[in-house]
Amino acid sequence: MPTLGEVAKKYPRQVVLFVWVLLTSAHALGQGADNLRSKSFEILSDTTSLDTLSIVPESEIVYLNGEITDTSRYEIDYSAAIITWKAPFPKGEAEVKYRVFSFSFSDVYMRRSMELIQPDEEYLAEPYTYRPQAEQESLFGSSQLNKTGSISRGVGFGNAQDLTVNSTLSLQLNGQINDRISIVASITDDNIPIQPEGNTATLQEFDQVYIQLFDDRSKLTAGDFFLSRPTGYFTNYYKRGQGATFSTRQPLGGDEEKALFTETSAALSRGKFARNIITGQEGNQGPYPLRGNENELFIIVLAGTERVFIDGREMQRGQENDYVIDYNTSEITFTANQLINKDKRIAVEFQYTDANYARSMVQTSTGIETEKFSFYVNFFSEQDAKNQPLQQELTDDDRRILDAAGDDISMAIAPSFQQVAEFNNSQVLYQLTDSLGFDSVFVRAVADTEAAVFQVNFSEVGQGQGDYVQEGFDATGRVFKWVAPDVTGGEPVRQGNYAPVRQLVAPRQNQMLMIGGTMKLTERTLAKVEAGFSNQDRNTFSERNNENNVWNRSAKTFSPSNPTAM
């Protein structure tokens, strides 16, 4: 015989109904005749209210003109205790006997009266009145977003400065906007003019600002991002930019093994690419200085953009790993894990700040990929806006010098002096004189004179390439002195390393277009073909020497393939 628990598991609804009937019957028996009611009335309408309490279902007996009537002549709303006569409703006297519950199921019950709820405009007048809490809608209309961040306010003052008020915002978002699209964002209004130290494997990006929207097949990033090498052999770059990039991979005809992939980016380049080959010194772990493409000494390396190779093997940053780097002084030092000697082949690739021109960057890579075949097209373009110089001001004479220099940037030299209105003791000023048969020699002006005085900026041009040397310092700045050249065989031999000139920086343009494909010939053989063009213009101000800007490249390879990786 099954137990009560087994019956309840098998017939849960029937058991609940049985228990309710049982409890109702027990309640009625407990009350005895107390819940038995009777009401007599004359039938004047089709609806009559019987009681203020709810009637126990099917407990009624209805008398019509002294005789029990059939249930087909009426309907009873047990919850509201109302009897309704069916048409045509009868005439005469009626009596109804029934049992009632101890409460009414049709009444409205509430913890507090609705009159306690005040309108919004009256809330301030009655602040202690109960008021339901309005539910606030989450950002982007979604409750699946994780939001963290901080807002700070700072006040600075001192006996040698004015009162200043600083405000910063840092906000991080991640989660889902809807069923398909997710978001990752890092937003800040900080602009901290420092970079992290390059002594750990993980860097904290102080000024990294981006918003990324993505789903299972596509990704859109706006803000700061890195562009890395796409599919192909010749198209090799690693760039940090600020703009927008979009990538997607869509199946063709619903077949996941056949896909169309696309990546497109447009951004402002944060830096300029450079590659240094460093000759190691026996027993010298560093620091080794890094230089720019134009042999610039004082550069700032963009944090996290460097790649260091020793004998073709990539090194890892960190005190406990292979090297550390000071981004602000552009110096690299190797740890004891990598002992440096004269036979080490050291190569460093990095990006450094170069704010001579506004630089833009455009990249796109698209193709088709199947199980045995792939085809791709890569295009990359990076160019300086020659009409938007930043750190230098170009005059019409400077533009003519750049036009005449062509690709030989060493010829883009402009005079670096200008006449001032009057003599000033707070500046180092020079006069033009003739000396030992040489004219246009700058000598320092030490007193007010009727002769013209000039403000001169000297640049280091290398030993034996200039006619001036640094003589020393005083309270007004560095002082330079002219050194007479030696004459050997009728030709002057310069003895200095400074000249009153400045090196003009020419705007550049780099472009690459590559087309390639792969074919799986057999389970163990893979054929690759790639061809393309590159255009490198070292001076977009000049049309000279442009015949060597375009290079053609092609490659064909056959290599064993891993059949498990295809």
Protein backbone atom coordinates (compact mmCIF):
# COMPACT_ATOMS: atom_id res chain seq x y z
CA MET A 1 0.00 0.00 0.00
CA PRO A 2 1.57 3.37 -0.99
CA THR A 3 2.31 5.90 1.72
CA LEU A 4 0.83 9.44 1.89
CA GLY A 5 4.20 10.92 0.80
CA GLU A 6 4.31 8.76 -2.33
CA VAL A 7 0.75 9.75 -3.20
CA ALA A 8 1.63 13.45 -2.71
CA LYS A 9 4.59 13.18 -5.08
CA LYS A 10 2.52 11.46 -7.76
CA TYR A 11 -0.65 13.55 -7.44
CA PRO A 12 0.38 16.92 -5.95
CA ARG A 13 -2.62 18.98 -7.16
CA GLN A 14 -5.18 16.40 -6.06
CA VAL A 15 -3.57 16.16 -2.63
CA VAL A 16 -3.69 19.94 -2.16
CA LEU A 17 -7.39 20.00 -3.11
CA PHE A 18 -8.12 17.12 -0.71
CA VAL A 19 -6.34 18.85 2.16
CA TRP A 20 -8.25 22.09 1.47
CA VAL A 21 -11.62 20.29 1.52
CA LEU A 22 -10.59 18.46 4.67
CA LEU A 23 -9.59 21.68 6.45
CA THR A 24 -12.76 23.42 5.27
CA SER A 25 -14.92 20.60 6.59
CA ALA A 26 -13.03 20.56 9.89
CA HIS A 27 -13.50 24.33 10.19
CA ALA A 28 -17.21 23.98 9.50
CA LEU A 29 -17.61 21.15 12.00
CA GLY A 30 -15.68 23.15 14.59
CA GLN A 31 -18.06 26.07 14.18
CA GLY A 32 -21.09 23.78 14.27
CA ALA A 33 -24.23 25.70 13.47
CA ASP A 34 -22.55 29.05 13.91
CA ASN A 35 -21.79 29.36 10.18
CA LEU A 36 -25.23 28.23 9.04
CA ARG A 37 -27.20 31.15 7.64
CA SER A 38 -30.67 31.60 6.15
CA LYS A 39 -32.07 34.50 4.15
CA SER A 40 -35.63 35.03 2.89
CA PHE A 41 -36.51 37.71 0.37
CA GLU A 42 -38.99 38.64 -2.33
CA ILE A 43 -37.68 38.29 -5.89
CA LEU A 44 -37.73 41.77 -7.38
CA SER A 45 -34.62 41.57 -9.66
CA ASP A 46 -32.36 38.98 -11.21
CA THR A 47 -29.50 39.59 -8.71
CA THR A 48 -29.56 39.54 -4.91
CA SER A 49 -26.76 39.86 -2.34
CA LEU A 50 -26.97 37.13 0.31
CA ASP A 51 -24.21 37.93 2.83
CA THR A 52 -21.06 39.95 3.62
CA LEU A 53 -18.96 36.77 4.01
CA SER A 54 -18.02 34.25 1.34
CA ILE A 55 -20.26 31.18 0.99
CA VAL A 56 -18.89 27.66 1.31
CA PRO A 57 -19.18 26.17 -2.22
CA GLU A 58 -22.19 23.85 -2.80
CA SER A 59 -23.46 24.29 0.76
CA GLU A 60 -26.64 26.16 -0.30
CA ILE A 61 -30.27 24.97 -0.42
CA VAL A 62 -32.62 27.27 -2.37
CA TYR A 63 -36.40 27.31 -1.77
CA LEU A 64 -38.74 28.96 -4.30
CA ASN A 65 -42.30 29.58 -3.02
CA GLY A 66 -41.70 26.93 -0.32
CA GLU A 67 -40.29 24.23 -2.62
CA ILE A 68 -36.63 23.27 -3.26
CA THR A 69 -35.63 24.51 -6.70
CA ASP A 70 -33.11 23.04 -9.12
CA THR A 71 -29.59 24.53 -9.61
CA SER A 72 -30.41 25.15 -13.27
CA ARG A 73 -32.60 28.09 -12.21
CA TYR A 74 -29.78 30.16 -10.63
CA GLU A 75 -26.02 30.82 -10.30
CA ILE A 76 -24.14 31.77 -7.11
CA ASP A 77 -20.89 33.74 -6.86
CA TYR A 78 -19.57 32.06 -3.70
CA SER A 79 -16.74 34.57 -3.20
CA ALA A 80 -19.01 37.66 -3.36
CA ALA A 81 -22.08 35.82 -1.89
CA ILE A 82 -24.41 36.91 -4.74
CA ILE A 83 -27.22 34.83 -6.31
CA THR A 84 -28.26 35.48 -9.92
CA TRP A 85 -31.51 34.10 -11.39
CA LYS A 86 -31.43 32.77 -14.91
CA ALA A 87 -33.90 34.19 -17.44
CA PRO A 88 -36.78 34.18 -17.18
CA PHE A 89 -36.27 34.88 -13.48
CA PRO A 90 -39.15 33.66 -11.25
CA LYS A 91 -41.56 35.66 -9.13
CA GLY A 92 -42.59 35.15 -5.53
CA GLU A 93 -40.78 34.41 -2.27
CA ALA A 94 -37.32 32.80 -2.05
CA GLU A 95 -35.34 31.37 0.89
CA VAL A 96 -31.66 30.40 0.77
CA LYS A 97 -29.90 28.35 3.46
CA TYR A 98 -26.11 28.20 3.29
CA ARG A 99 -22.86 28.08 5.26
CA VAL A 100 -20.24 30.87 5.26
CA PHE A 101 -16.52 31.25 5.81
CA SER A 102 -15.22 33.50 8.54
CA PHE A 103 -13.96 36.07 5.97
CA SER A 104 -14.75 37.40 2.51
CA PHE A 105 -12.58 36.42 -0.43
CA SER A 106 -13.78 39.36 -2.52
CA ASP A 107 -12.66 42.12 -0.15
CA VAL A 108 -9.40 44.06 -0.75
CA TYR A 109 -6.79 43.73 2.00
CA MET A 110 -3.75 46.10 2.32
CA ARG A 111 -1.11 46.79 4.90
CA ARG A 112 -1.43 50.57 4.57
CA SER A 113 -4.09 52.77 3.09
CA MET A 114 -3.53 54.09 -0.44
CA GLU A 115 -4.28 57.58 0.91
CA LEU A 116 -0.86 57.59 2.60
CA ILE A 117 0.91 57.75 -0.78
CA GLN A 118 1.59 61.39 -1.63
CA PRO A 119 2.28 62.79 -5.13
CA ASP A 120 5.87 63.78 -5.93
CA GLU A 121 5.16 67.52 -5.72
CA GLU A 122 3.90 67.09 -2.14
CA TYR A 123 6.78 64.94 -0.92
CA LEU A 124 8.96 67.84 0.26
CA ALA A 125 6.03 69.28 2.22
CA GLU A 126 5.44 65.91 3.96
CA PRO A 127 8.91 64.29 4.12
CA TYR A 128 7.91 61.67 6.73
CA THR A 129 4.93 60.39 4.76
CA TYR A 130 5.34 56.88 3.37
CA ARG A 131 6.37 56.99 -0.27
CA PRO A 132 7.12 53.94 -2.47
CA GLN A 133 10.67 53.77 -3.81
CA ALA A 134 10.84 54.35 -7.55
CA GLU A 135 13.00 51.83 -9.38
CA GLN A 136 15.89 53.51 -11.20
CA GLU A 137 16.67 52.38 -14.69
CA SER A 138 20.19 51.05 -15.15
CA LEU A 139 22.70 52.57 -17.56
CA PHE A 140 22.00 51.57 -21.21
CA GLY A 141 18.72 50.07 -19.94
CA SER A 142 20.49 46.90 -18.80
CA SER A 143 21.04 45.43 -15.34
CA GLN A 144 23.81 43.11 -16.55
CA LEU A 145 26.55 45.76 -16.53
CA ASN A 146 29.34 45.82 -13.98
CA LYS A 147 30.31 49.40 -13.27
CA THR A 148 33.33 50.44 -11.22
CA GLY A 149 35.27 53.65 -10.97
CA SER A 150 35.96 56.74 -8.96
CA ILE A 151 35.48 60.48 -8.97
CA SER A 152 37.93 62.62 -7.04
CA ARG A 153 38.03 66.29 -6.18
CA GLY A 154 41.16 68.02 -4.97
CA VAL A 155 42.01 71.48 -3.73
CA GLY A 156 45.58 72.78 -3.78
CA PHE A 157 46.89 75.91 -2.12
CA GLY A 158 50.12 77.29 -0.70
CA ASN A 159 52.00 80.42 0.19
CA ALA A 160 53.62 80.54 -3.25
CA GLN A 161 50.71 79.53 -5.47
CA ASP A 162 47.09 80.34 -6.18
CA LEU A 163 44.15 78.19 -5.14
CA THR A 164 43.56 75.34 -7.62
CA VAL A 165 40.74 72.83 -7.91
CA ASN A 166 41.35 69.48 -9.62
CA SER A 167 38.81 66.87 -10.70
CA THR A 168 39.36 63.40 -12.13
CA LEU A 169 37.04 60.66 -13.36
CA SER A 170 37.79 56.98 -13.89
CA LEU A 171 35.08 54.59 -15.08
CA GLN A 172 35.23 50.94 -16.11
CA LEU A 173 32.31 49.06 -17.66
CA ASN A 174 31.84 45.43 -18.65
CA GLY A 175 28.82 43.28 -19.25
CA GLN A 176 25.97 42.81 -21.70
CA ILE A 177 23.90 45.57 -23.30
CA ASN A 178 21.40 43.11 -24.73
CA ASP A 179 21.19 39.40 -25.54
CA ARG A 180 23.81 39.68 -28.32
CA ILE A 181 26.08 42.67 -27.70
CA SER A 182 28.57 42.98 -24.85
CA ILE A 183 30.62 46.00 -23.82
CA VAL A 184 34.04 46.60 -22.27
CA ALA A 185 35.05 50.21 -21.62
CA SER A 186 37.68 52.21 -19.78
CA ILE A 187 36.91 55.92 -19.66
CA THR A 188 38.92 58.59 -17.87
CA ASP A 189 39.48 62.31 -18.08
CA ASP A 190 42.97 62.05 -16.57
CA ASN A 191 45.90 63.29 -18.60
CA ILE A 192 48.90 62.28 -16.55
CA PRO A 193 52.15 63.47 -18.21
CA ILE A 194 54.20 60.48 -17.06
CA GLN A 195 54.67 56.93 -18.22
CA PRO A 196 54.98 53.74 -16.18
CA GLU A 197 58.38 52.30 -15.41
CA GLY A 198 59.34 49.42 -17.66
CA ASN A 199 60.57 47.11 -14.93
CA THR A 200 57.63 44.69 -14.78
CA ALA A 201 56.01 42.36 -17.26
CA THR A 202 52.59 44.05 -16.82
CA LEU A 203 52.12 47.77 -17.31
CA GLN A 204 49.43 50.00 -15.83
CA GLU A 205 48.03 52.17 -18.61
CA PHE A 206 47.38 55.57 -17.03
CA ASP A 207 45.75 57.16 -20.05
CA GLN A 208 44.15 54.17 -21.79
CA VAL A 209 40.70 55.23 -22.98
CA TYR A 210 38.52 52.97 -25.11
CA ILE A 211 35.03 51.54 -25.63
CA GLN A 212 34.67 48.08 -27.12
CA LEU A 213 31.42 46.54 -28.37
CA PHE A 214 31.46 42.91 -29.48
CA ASP A 215 29.40 39.80 -30.12
CA ASP A 216 30.25 36.27 -31.21
CA ARG A 217 31.46 37.36 -34.67
CA SER A 218 32.27 41.09 -34.67
CA LYS A 219 34.15 43.62 -32.55
CA LEU A 220 34.21 47.43 -32.64
CA THR A 221 36.78 49.39 -30.63
CA ALA A 222 36.90 53.18 -30.32
CA GLY A 223 39.71 54.97 -28.49
CA ASP A 224 43.22 53.68 -27.81
CA PHE A 225 44.16 50.36 -29.39
CA PHE A 226 47.06 48.41 -30.92
CA LEU A 227 47.32 47.29 -34.54
CA SER A 228 49.31 44.10 -35.01
CA ARG A 229 50.46 42.01 -37.93
CA PRO A 230 47.63 40.61 -40.10
CA THR A 231 47.68 37.46 -42.22
CA GLY A 232 50.67 37.47 -44.56
CA TYR A 233 54.46 37.56 -44.64
CA PHE A 234 55.47 41.06 -45.78
CA THR A 235 52.82 43.08 -43.92
CA ASN A 236 54.54 43.30 -40.56
CA TYR A 237 53.79 46.12 -38.13
CA TYR A 238 52.85 46.79 -34.50
CA LYS A 239 51.27 50.21 -34.06
CA ARG A 240 49.54 52.07 -31.26
CA GLY A 241 46.78 54.36 -32.48
CA GLN A 242 43.84 56.43 -31.32
CA GLY A 243 40.71 56.12 -33.41
CA ALA A 244 38.38 53.25 -34.33
CA THR A 245 38.84 49.67 -35.53
CA PHE A 246 36.25 47.10 -36.62
CA SER A 247 36.74 43.40 -37.25
CA THR A 248 34.26 40.69 -38.22
CA ARG A 249 34.21 37.08 -39.37
CA GLN A 250 31.05 35.89 -41.12
CA PRO A 251 30.31 32.37 -42.45
CA LEU A 252 29.45 32.03 -46.13
CA GLY A 253 26.16 30.33 -46.90
CA GLY A 254 25.79 29.19 -43.30
CA ASP A 255 28.94 27.03 -43.59
CA GLU A 256 31.25 27.67 -40.63
CA GLU A 257 34.24 26.22 -42.55
CA LYS A 258 33.89 28.97 -45.18
CA ALA A 259 34.23 32.48 -43.80
CA LEU A 260 34.71 36.07 -44.91
CA PHE A 261 36.96 38.04 -42.53
CA THR A 262 37.53 41.82 -42.48
CA GLU A 263 39.42 44.24 -40.27
CA THR A 264 39.38 48.00 -40.91
CA SER A 265 40.97 50.76 -38.83
CA ALA A 266 41.37 54.52 -39.00
CA ALA A 267 43.35 56.35 -36.36
CA LEU A 268 45.86 58.99 -35.41
CA SER A 269 49.25 57.39 -34.89
CA ARG A 270 50.56 57.81 -31.34
CA GLY A 271 54.19 57.34 -32.32
CA LYS A 272 56.82 56.64 -34.94
CA PHE A 273 58.34 53.22 -35.55
CA ALA A 274 62.09 52.70 -35.20
CA ARG A 275 64.45 49.72 -35.16
CA ASN A 276 67.86 49.90 -33.48
CA ILE A 277 70.72 47.44 -33.88
CA ILE A 278 72.84 47.59 -30.72
CA THR A 279 76.41 46.38 -30.56
CA GLY A 280 76.92 44.71 -27.21
CA GLN A 281 79.92 45.57 -25.07
CA GLU A 282 81.84 42.96 -23.14
CA GLY A 283 80.56 42.82 -19.57
CA ASN A 284 78.31 45.90 -19.98
CA GLN A 285 74.68 45.17 -19.09
CA GLY A 286 73.64 48.76 -19.85
CA PRO A 287 72.05 51.17 -19.99
CA TYR A 288 72.12 51.24 -23.81
CA PRO A 289 70.49 54.37 -25.32
CA LEU A 290 67.85 54.13 -28.06
CA ARG A 291 67.75 56.60 -30.94
CA GLY A 292 65.15 57.70 -33.46
CA ASN A 293 65.17 57.20 -37.21
CA GLU A 294 66.97 60.51 -37.74
CA ASN A 295 69.53 59.65 -35.05
CA GLU A 296 67.64 61.70 -32.45
CA LEU A 297 69.15 61.32 -29.00
CA PHE A 298 66.43 62.70 -26.75
CA ILE A 299 63.27 60.71 -27.46
CA ILE A 300 60.47 59.21 -25.35
CA VAL A 301 59.54 55.59 -26.06
CA LEU A 302 55.83 54.79 -25.92
CA ALA A 303 55.18 52.40 -23.05
CA GLY A 304 54.63 48.79 -24.03
CA THR A 305 55.53 49.18 -27.72
CA GLU A 306 59.07 47.79 -27.54
CA ARG A 307 60.17 44.35 -28.71
CA VAL A 308 63.68 43.23 -27.83
CA PHE A 309 65.51 40.40 -29.59
CA ILE A 310 68.86 38.80 -28.73
CA ASP A 311 70.23 36.43 -31.36
CA GLY A 312 66.75 36.30 -32.92
CA ARG A 313 64.97 35.28 -29.71
CA GLU A 314 62.44 37.68 -28.19
CA MET A 315 63.13 38.83 -24.65
CA GLN A 316 60.64 39.50 -21.86
CA ARG A 317 60.50 42.70 -19.83
CA GLY A 318 60.89 42.64 -16.03
CA GLN A 319 63.45 42.66 -13.24
CA GLU A 320 63.01 38.92 -12.86
CA ASN A 321 63.17 38.31 -16.63
CA ASP A 322 65.53 39.64 -19.32
CA TYR A 323 65.57 43.45 -19.38
CA VAL A 324 64.17 46.69 -17.97
CA ILE A 325 63.58 49.91 -19.89
CA ASP A 326 63.24 53.57 -18.91
CA TYR A 327 60.68 54.96 -21.36
CA ASN A 328 61.31 58.62 -20.51
CA THR A 329 65.10 58.49 -21.04
CA SER A 330 64.88 55.78 -23.77
CA GLU A 331 67.48 53.53 -22.15
CA ILE A 332 67.45 49.74 -21.91
CA THR A 333 69.33 47.65 -19.33
CA PHE A 334 69.69 43.88 -19.38
CA THR A 335 69.40 41.72 -16.26
CA ALA A 336 71.73 38.97 -15.09
CA ASN A 337 69.57 36.43 -16.95
CA GLN A 338 71.04 37.77 -20.22
CA LEU A 339 74.79 38.34 -20.00
CA ILE A 340 75.86 40.74 -22.75
CA ASN A 341 79.11 40.43 -24.69
CA LYS A 342 80.50 41.60 -28.02
CA ASP A 343 79.07 38.59 -29.88
CA LYS A 344 75.44 39.22 -28.92
CA ARG A 345 73.19 40.40 -31.75
CA ILE A 346 70.71 42.84 -30.16
CA ALA A 347 67.74 44.33 -32.06
CA VAL A 348 65.12 46.63 -30.52
CA GLU A 349 61.87 47.63 -32.25
CA PHE A 350 59.80 50.39 -30.64
CA GLN A 351 57.59 53.42 -31.16
CA TYR A 352 58.62 56.85 -29.95
CA THR A 353 56.89 60.20 -29.78
CA ASP A 354 57.41 62.33 -32.85
CA ALA A 355 55.14 65.36 -32.76
CA ASN A 356 56.60 67.15 -35.78
CA TYR A 357 53.44 66.57 -37.86
CA ALA A 358 49.94 65.25 -37.30
CA ARG A 359 50.14 61.62 -38.46
CA SER A 360 47.17 59.54 -39.61
CA MET A 361 46.93 55.81 -40.13
CA VAL A 362 44.55 53.67 -42.21
CA GLN A 363 44.54 49.89 -42.33
CA THR A 364 42.31 47.25 -43.86
CA SER A 365 42.64 43.50 -44.23
CA THR A 366 40.01 41.29 -45.84
CA GLY A 367 39.85 37.81 -47.30
CA ILE A 368 38.11 34.48 -47.69
CA GLU A 369 39.08 31.33 -45.85
CA THR A 370 37.96 27.75 -46.45
CA GLU A 371 39.18 24.39 -45.25
CA LYS A 372 41.75 24.06 -48.08
CA PHE A 373 42.11 27.56 -49.52
CA SER A 374 42.52 31.14 -48.31
CA PHE A 375 42.86 34.48 -50.09
CA TYR A 376 43.62 37.86 -48.49
CA VAL A 377 44.30 41.50 -49.33
CA ASN A 378 46.16 43.78 -46.88
CA PHE A 379 46.52 47.55 -47.15
CA PHE A 380 48.32 49.85 -44.73
CA SER A 381 48.98 53.57 -45.01
CA GLU A 382 50.67 55.95 -42.59
CA GLN A 383 51.31 59.55 -43.57
CA ASP A 384 52.22 62.90 -42.07
CA ALA A 385 49.97 65.88 -42.72
CA LYS A 386 52.54 68.20 -44.27
CA ASN A 387 50.30 71.24 -43.83
CA GLN A 388 49.86 70.59 -40.10
CA PRO A 389 53.29 70.90 -38.47
CA LEU A 390 53.26 70.74 -34.68
CA GLN A 391 56.67 71.31 -33.09
CA GLN A 392 58.17 73.34 -35.92
CA GLU A 393 57.01 76.37 -37.83
CA LEU A 394 57.78 76.21 -41.52
CA THR A 395 58.28 79.40 -43.47
CA ASP A 396 58.10 79.66 -47.24
CA ASP A 397 61.91 79.51 -47.34
CA ASP A 398 61.84 76.31 -45.26
CA ARG A 399 59.39 74.73 -47.69
CA ARG A 400 61.63 75.64 -50.63
CA ILE A 401 64.60 74.04 -48.84
CA LEU A 402 62.61 70.85 -48.24
CA ASP A 403 61.49 70.81 -51.88
CA ALA A 404 65.10 71.08 -53.08
CA ALA A 405 66.38 68.42 -50.64
CA GLY A 406 64.37 65.55 -52.11
CA ASP A 407 64.98 62.28 -50.27
CA ASP A 408 68.36 63.46 -48.92
CA ILE A 409 67.15 64.81 -45.58
CA SER A 410 70.71 65.78 -44.61
CA MET A 411 70.40 68.61 -47.17
CA ALA A 412 67.29 70.01 -45.43
CA ILE A 413 69.29 72.53 -43.39
CA ALA A 414 67.92 76.01 -42.66
CA PRO A 415 69.64 79.03 -41.05
CA SER A 416 68.85 79.39 -37.36
CA PHE A 417 69.34 83.05 -36.48
CA GLN A 418 67.22 86.16 -36.46
CA GLN A 419 67.91 89.82 -35.83
CA VAL A 420 66.54 91.40 -32.64
CA ALA A 421 65.47 95.00 -32.21
CA GLU A 422 67.92 95.98 -29.47
CA PHE A 423 70.62 94.66 -27.19
CA ASN A 424 69.41 92.83 -24.04
CA ASN A 425 71.63 91.73 -21.16
CA SER A 426 69.26 88.85 -20.26
CA GLN A 427 70.00 86.99 -23.53
CA VAL A 428 73.07 85.59 -25.25
CA LEU A 429 73.29 87.73 -28.42
CA TYR A 430 75.80 87.74 -31.27
CA GLN A 431 77.18 90.13 -33.88
CA LEU A 432 78.27 89.37 -37.43
CA THR A 433 81.92 90.17 -38.14
CA ASP A 434 84.78 89.22 -40.46
CA SER A 435 87.73 87.26 -38.99
CA LEU A 436 90.96 85.99 -40.57
CA GLY A 437 89.54 86.40 -44.03
CA PHE A 438 86.31 84.60 -43.22
CA ASP A 439 83.08 86.59 -43.32
CA SER A 440 79.74 86.10 -41.54
CA VAL A 441 81.28 84.99 -38.27
CA PHE A 442 79.12 85.19 -35.14
CA VAL A 443 80.85 86.58 -32.04
CA ARG A 444 79.16 87.31 -28.76
CA ALA A 445 77.96 90.86 -28.21
CA VAL A 446 78.97 91.93 -24.70
CA ALA A 447 77.82 95.56 -24.76
CA ASP A 448 75.25 97.75 -26.44
CA THR A 449 76.40 98.79 -29.86
CA GLU A 450 75.05 100.35 -32.99
CA ALA A 451 75.78 97.17 -34.95
CA ALA A 452 72.98 94.67 -35.57
CA VAL A 453 72.63 91.91 -32.97
CA PHE A 454 71.22 88.43 -33.55
CA GLN A 455 69.68 85.64 -31.53
CA VAL A 456 71.35 82.42 -32.72
CA ASN A 457 70.42 78.79 -32.09
CA PHE A 458 73.32 76.36 -32.59
CA SER A 459 72.84 72.69 -33.48
CA GLU A 460 75.31 69.87 -33.02
CA VAL A 461 76.35 68.64 -36.47
CA GLY A 462 79.25 66.33 -35.59
CA GLN A 463 82.94 66.81 -35.07
CA GLY A 464 84.61 68.45 -38.06
CA GLN A 465 81.28 69.49 -39.57
CA GLY A 466 80.90 72.88 -37.88
CA ASP A 467 82.83 76.06 -37.11
CA TYR A 468 81.71 76.61 -33.50
CA VAL A 469 82.33 74.96 -30.14
CA GLN A 470 80.63 75.40 -26.81
CA GLU A 471 82.71 77.75 -24.68
CA GLY A 472 80.77 77.42 -21.45
CA PHE A 473 77.74 78.65 -19.50
CA ASP A 474 76.77 81.86 -17.82
CA ALA A 475 73.61 83.19 -16.17
CA THR A 476 71.95 83.85 -19.53
CA GLY A 477 72.61 80.45 -21.16
CA ARG A 478 75.16 78.52 -23.24
CA VAL A 479 77.90 80.46 -25.01
CA PHE A 480 79.46 79.38 -28.33
CA LYS A 481 82.75 80.47 -29.87
CA TRP A 482 83.92 80.47 -33.47
CA VAL A 483 86.99 78.32 -34.22
CA ALA A 484 89.03 79.18 -37.29
CA PRO A 485 89.32 76.27 -39.72
CA ASP A 486 92.68 74.93 -40.83
CA VAL A 487 93.58 75.25 -44.48
CA THR A 488 95.08 72.11 -46.02
CA GLY A 489 95.85 72.06 -49.72
CA GLY A 490 93.79 75.17 -50.21
CA GLU A 491 90.71 73.57 -48.66
CA PRO A 492 89.38 74.61 -45.21
CA VAL A 493 89.15 71.87 -42.59
CA ARG A 494 86.55 72.69 -39.94
CA GLN A 495 87.49 72.29 -36.28
CA GLY A 496 84.09 72.62 -34.55
CA ASN A 497 81.04 70.51 -33.96
CA TYR A 498 78.26 73.16 -33.85
CA ALA A 499 76.73 75.32 -36.60
CA PRO A 500 74.10 78.12 -36.61
CA VAL A 501 71.60 75.95 -38.47
CA ARG A 502 68.60 73.74 -37.71
CA GLN A 503 67.62 70.42 -39.18
CA LEU A 504 64.24 70.52 -40.92
CA VAL A 505 62.05 67.45 -40.45
CA ALA A 506 60.34 66.34 -43.64
CA PRO A 507 56.85 64.77 -43.67
CA ARG A 508 56.80 61.11 -44.70
CA GLN A 509 54.42 58.58 -46.17
CA ASN A 510 54.54 54.77 -45.94
CA GLN A 511 52.09 52.56 -47.81
CA MET A 512 51.82 48.81 -48.39
CA LEU A 513 49.46 46.74 -50.54
CA MET A 514 49.80 42.96 -50.32
CA ILE A 515 47.81 40.20 -52.03
CA GLY A 516 48.33 36.57 -51.15
CA GLY A 517 46.85 33.16 -50.63
CA THR A 518 47.47 29.67 -49.36
CA MET A 519 46.53 26.29 -50.81
CA LYS A 520 46.53 22.96 -49.01
CA LEU A 521 47.87 20.62 -51.70
CA THR A 522 48.03 17.46 -49.64
CA GLU A 523 47.63 16.54 -46.01
CA ARG A 524 51.29 17.47 -45.43
CA THR A 525 52.00 20.14 -48.05
CA LEU A 526 50.97 23.80 -47.95
CA ALA A 527 51.70 26.32 -50.73
CA LYS A 528 51.86 30.07 -50.03
CA VAL A 529 52.00 32.90 -52.57
CA GLU A 530 52.21 36.61 -51.81
CA ALA A 531 52.91 39.67 -53.95
CA GLY A 532 52.51 43.35 -53.41
CA PHE A 533 53.77 46.89 -53.56
CA SER A 534 55.17 49.33 -51.03
CA ASN A 535 55.49 53.09 -51.39
CA GLN A 536 57.87 54.99 -49.13
CA ASP A 537 58.14 58.73 -49.66
CA ARG A 538 60.73 60.25 -47.32
CA ASN A 539 59.73 63.82 -48.21
CA THR A 540 56.21 64.56 -49.41
CA PHE A 541 57.14 68.22 -49.90
CA SER A 542 59.38 67.25 -52.83
CA GLU A 543 58.80 65.46 -56.12
CA ARG A 544 62.53 64.76 -56.47
CA ASN A 545 63.82 61.18 -56.20
CA ASN A 546 60.28 59.77 -56.27
CA GLU A 547 61.24 57.19 -58.88
CA ASN A 548 62.60 54.89 -56.16
CA ASN A 549 59.62 55.16 -53.83
CA VAL A 550 57.74 52.08 -55.13
CA TRP A 551 59.07 48.59 -54.50
CA ASN A 552 57.68 45.32 -55.82
CA ARG A 553 57.78 42.26 -53.63
CA SER A 554 56.81 38.64 -54.16
CA ALA A 555 57.37 35.31 -52.49
CA LYS A 556 56.47 31.69 -53.09
CA THR A 557 56.97 28.97 -50.51
CA PHE A 558 56.15 25.32 -50.14
CA SER A 559 56.28 23.96 -46.64
CA PRO A 560 55.13 20.88 -44.72
CA SER A 561 51.88 21.50 -42.93
CA ASN A 562 50.50 20.04 -39.74
CA PRO A 563 47.34 18.20 -40.81
CA THR A 564 45.92 18.42 -37.31
CA ALA A 565 46.17 22.23 -37.34
CA MET A 566 44.21 22.80 -40.55
